[in-house]
Amino acid sequence: MQNSIIIHVDGTPKPQPRPRATRAGLRARVYNPPSADVWKGSIRDSLRIRHKEILGKKFPGPIGLRVEFYFKAPTGFKDTFFAKHTAKPDIDNLLKPVMDVLTEEGIWADDSQVVEVSASKWIARPRPGSTGGATIRIEFFEQEGCE
């Protein structure tokens, strides 16, 4: 297996929403709102198209995850390249859908294997027709010593 893979995802990065609860009489139901489902689908599609050879392999060792999120430049944005994105959504909430999809697709057995995380948010002038996206780098480390 290669030491790392890079996944480029087009779309608007969305944070994982907080679970919601409803109550109907004596029954309560907890559910996850679907607001991040399209973004999760974009991550899943990019992974399946470009790296289907690693799906379901469940790498057993430690993993590093580096994610750069790109948001569409607002109207009047003067910079020609990139600027730091300091508005919502929070970066920790943006990481959750990425890690959920990578777990669901069997890249690793459990996201507790992720031992290093680096994430950044950027305002970028996207390609025509694009709304932003992300670059996800997954690094597979050799198992060292005890677990």
Protein backbone atom coordinates (compact mmCIF):
# COMPACT_ATOMS: atom_id res chain seq x y z
CA MET A 1 0.00 0.00 0.00
CA GLN A 2 1.21 3.49 -0.75
CA ASN A 3 2.21 5.76 2.15
CA SER A 4 -0.40 8.42 1.41
CA ILE A 5 -3.26 9.33 -0.87
CA ILE A 6 -4.71 12.68 -1.85
CA ILE A 7 -8.40 13.21 -2.57
CA HIS A 8 -9.72 16.37 -4.23
CA VAL A 9 -13.39 17.02 -3.52
CA ASP A 10 -15.55 19.59 -5.30
CA GLY A 11 -18.54 21.10 -3.52
CA THR A 12 -19.38 23.35 -0.62
CA PRO A 13 -17.82 22.11 2.63
CA LYS A 14 -20.52 21.61 5.25
CA PRO A 15 -20.12 20.97 8.98
CA GLN A 16 -21.64 18.01 10.76
CA PRO A 17 -24.83 19.31 12.38
CA ARG A 18 -25.62 18.58 16.00
CA PRO A 19 -28.04 15.69 16.60
CA ARG A 20 -31.66 16.79 17.02
CA ALA A 21 -34.45 15.26 19.08
CA THR A 22 -38.18 15.18 18.57
CA ARG A 23 -40.86 14.02 20.90
CA ALA A 24 -44.23 12.57 19.94
CA GLY A 25 -46.14 11.63 23.06
CA LEU A 26 -44.00 9.25 25.10
CA ARG A 27 -41.65 8.48 22.21
CA ALA A 28 -38.51 10.46 21.62
CA ARG A 29 -36.45 10.20 18.46
CA VAL A 30 -32.87 11.42 17.98
CA TYR A 31 -31.69 12.02 14.43
CA ASN A 32 -28.95 13.75 12.46
CA PRO A 33 -30.22 16.56 10.23
CA PRO A 34 -29.38 15.92 6.56
CA SER A 35 -27.62 19.27 5.95
CA ALA A 36 -24.18 17.65 5.45
CA ASP A 37 -25.42 14.71 3.35
CA VAL A 38 -24.64 16.30 -0.03
CA TRP A 39 -21.12 17.17 1.13
CA LYS A 40 -20.60 13.65 2.48
CA GLY A 41 -21.79 12.29 -0.88
CA SER A 42 -19.23 14.45 -2.70
CA ILE A 43 -16.44 13.11 -0.48
CA ARG A 44 -17.65 9.54 -0.97
CA ASP A 45 -17.90 9.96 -4.77
CA SER A 46 -14.39 11.44 -5.06
CA LEU A 47 -12.98 8.62 -2.96
CA ARG A 48 -14.77 5.90 -4.94
CA ILE A 49 -13.80 7.35 -8.32
CA ARG A 50 -10.12 8.02 -7.62
CA HIS A 51 -9.14 5.52 -4.93
CA LYS A 52 -11.47 2.52 -5.09
CA GLU A 53 -8.47 0.19 -4.60
CA ILE A 54 -8.25 1.14 -0.90
CA LEU A 55 -11.97 0.99 -0.04
CA GLY A 56 -12.74 -1.55 2.67
CA LYS A 57 -9.04 -2.32 3.34
CA LYS A 58 -9.27 -0.94 6.90
CA PHE A 59 -5.63 0.01 7.34
CA PRO A 60 -4.71 -1.21 10.85
CA GLY A 61 -1.98 1.27 11.83
CA PRO A 62 -1.76 4.92 12.84
CA ILE A 63 -3.03 7.50 10.36
CA GLY A 64 -2.40 11.17 9.70
CA LEU A 65 -5.10 13.37 8.21
CA ARG A 66 -4.54 16.74 6.53
CA VAL A 67 -7.49 18.67 5.14
CA GLU A 68 -7.65 22.03 3.38
CA PHE A 69 -11.18 23.39 2.99
CA TYR A 70 -11.90 25.91 0.24
CA PHE A 71 -14.88 28.26 0.28
CA LYS A 72 -16.19 30.27 -2.63
CA ALA A 73 -15.02 33.87 -2.63
CA PRO A 74 -17.75 36.34 -1.69
CA THR A 75 -18.79 39.09 -4.07
CA GLY A 76 -16.23 41.87 -4.00
CA PHE A 77 -13.36 39.59 -2.94
CA LYS A 78 -10.25 41.46 -4.12
CA ASP A 79 -7.49 38.90 -3.58
CA THR A 80 -6.43 36.98 -6.65
CA PHE A 81 -5.54 33.73 -4.88
CA PHE A 82 -6.32 32.73 -1.30
CA ALA A 83 -7.19 34.30 2.02
CA LYS A 84 -7.78 32.71 5.42
CA HIS A 85 -11.46 31.94 6.09
CA THR A 86 -12.28 33.15 9.61
CA ALA A 87 -16.08 32.92 9.52
CA LYS A 88 -18.28 29.96 10.40
CA PRO A 89 -18.35 26.99 10.02
CA ASP A 90 -15.97 25.91 12.76
CA ILE A 91 -13.07 23.81 11.56
CA ASP A 92 -13.67 20.96 14.04
CA ASN A 93 -17.24 20.56 12.75
CA LEU A 94 -15.94 20.49 9.16
CA LEU A 95 -13.59 17.60 9.99
CA LYS A 96 -16.36 15.35 11.36
CA PRO A 97 -18.09 14.57 8.01
CA VAL A 98 -14.70 13.85 6.41
CA MET A 99 -13.76 11.39 9.14
CA ASP A 100 -17.24 9.81 9.14
CA VAL A 101 -17.06 9.08 5.40
CA LEU A 102 -13.53 7.68 5.64
CA THR A 103 -14.69 5.37 8.44
CA GLU A 104 -17.85 4.32 6.55
CA GLU A 105 -15.82 3.56 3.41
CA GLY A 106 -13.43 1.32 5.35
CA ILE A 107 -10.22 3.33 5.01
CA TRP A 108 -9.56 2.60 8.67
CA ALA A 109 -11.29 0.45 11.27
CA ASP A 110 -12.00 3.34 13.62
CA ASP A 111 -11.23 7.04 13.59
CA SER A 112 -9.36 6.59 16.88
CA GLN A 113 -6.47 5.47 14.62
CA VAL A 114 -6.04 9.07 13.47
CA VAL A 115 -3.04 10.27 15.46
CA GLU A 116 -2.27 13.52 13.60
CA VAL A 117 -4.70 16.08 12.22
CA SER A 118 -4.00 19.28 10.35
CA ALA A 119 -6.81 21.39 8.94
CA SER A 120 -7.14 24.83 7.36
CA LYS A 121 -9.94 26.96 5.89
CA TRP A 122 -9.43 29.20 2.87
CA ILE A 123 -11.40 31.58 0.74
CA ALA A 124 -10.45 30.79 -2.84
CA ARG A 125 -11.41 31.81 -6.31
CA PRO A 126 -12.79 28.47 -7.50
CA ARG A 127 -12.72 27.14 -11.01
CA PRO A 128 -15.72 28.24 -13.11
CA GLY A 129 -18.81 26.36 -11.96
CA SER A 130 -17.20 25.23 -8.69
CA THR A 131 -18.45 26.27 -5.26
CA GLY A 132 -15.31 25.32 -3.35
CA GLY A 133 -14.16 21.99 -2.02
CA ALA A 134 -11.41 20.28 -0.10
CA THR A 135 -8.09 18.54 -0.49
CA ILE A 136 -7.79 15.54 1.82
CA ARG A 137 -4.46 13.84 2.41
CA ILE A 138 -4.43 10.53 4.28
CA GLU A 139 -1.04 9.33 5.51
CA PHE A 140 -0.54 5.68 6.45
CA PHE A 141 2.17 5.30 9.09
CA GLU A 142 4.08 2.15 9.94
CA GLN A 143 3.02 0.52 13.20
CA GLU A 144 5.55 1.27 15.95
CA GLY A 145 6.01 -0.54 19.26
CA CYS A 146 3.01 -1.14 21.54
CA GLU A 147 -0.56 -0.12 20.94
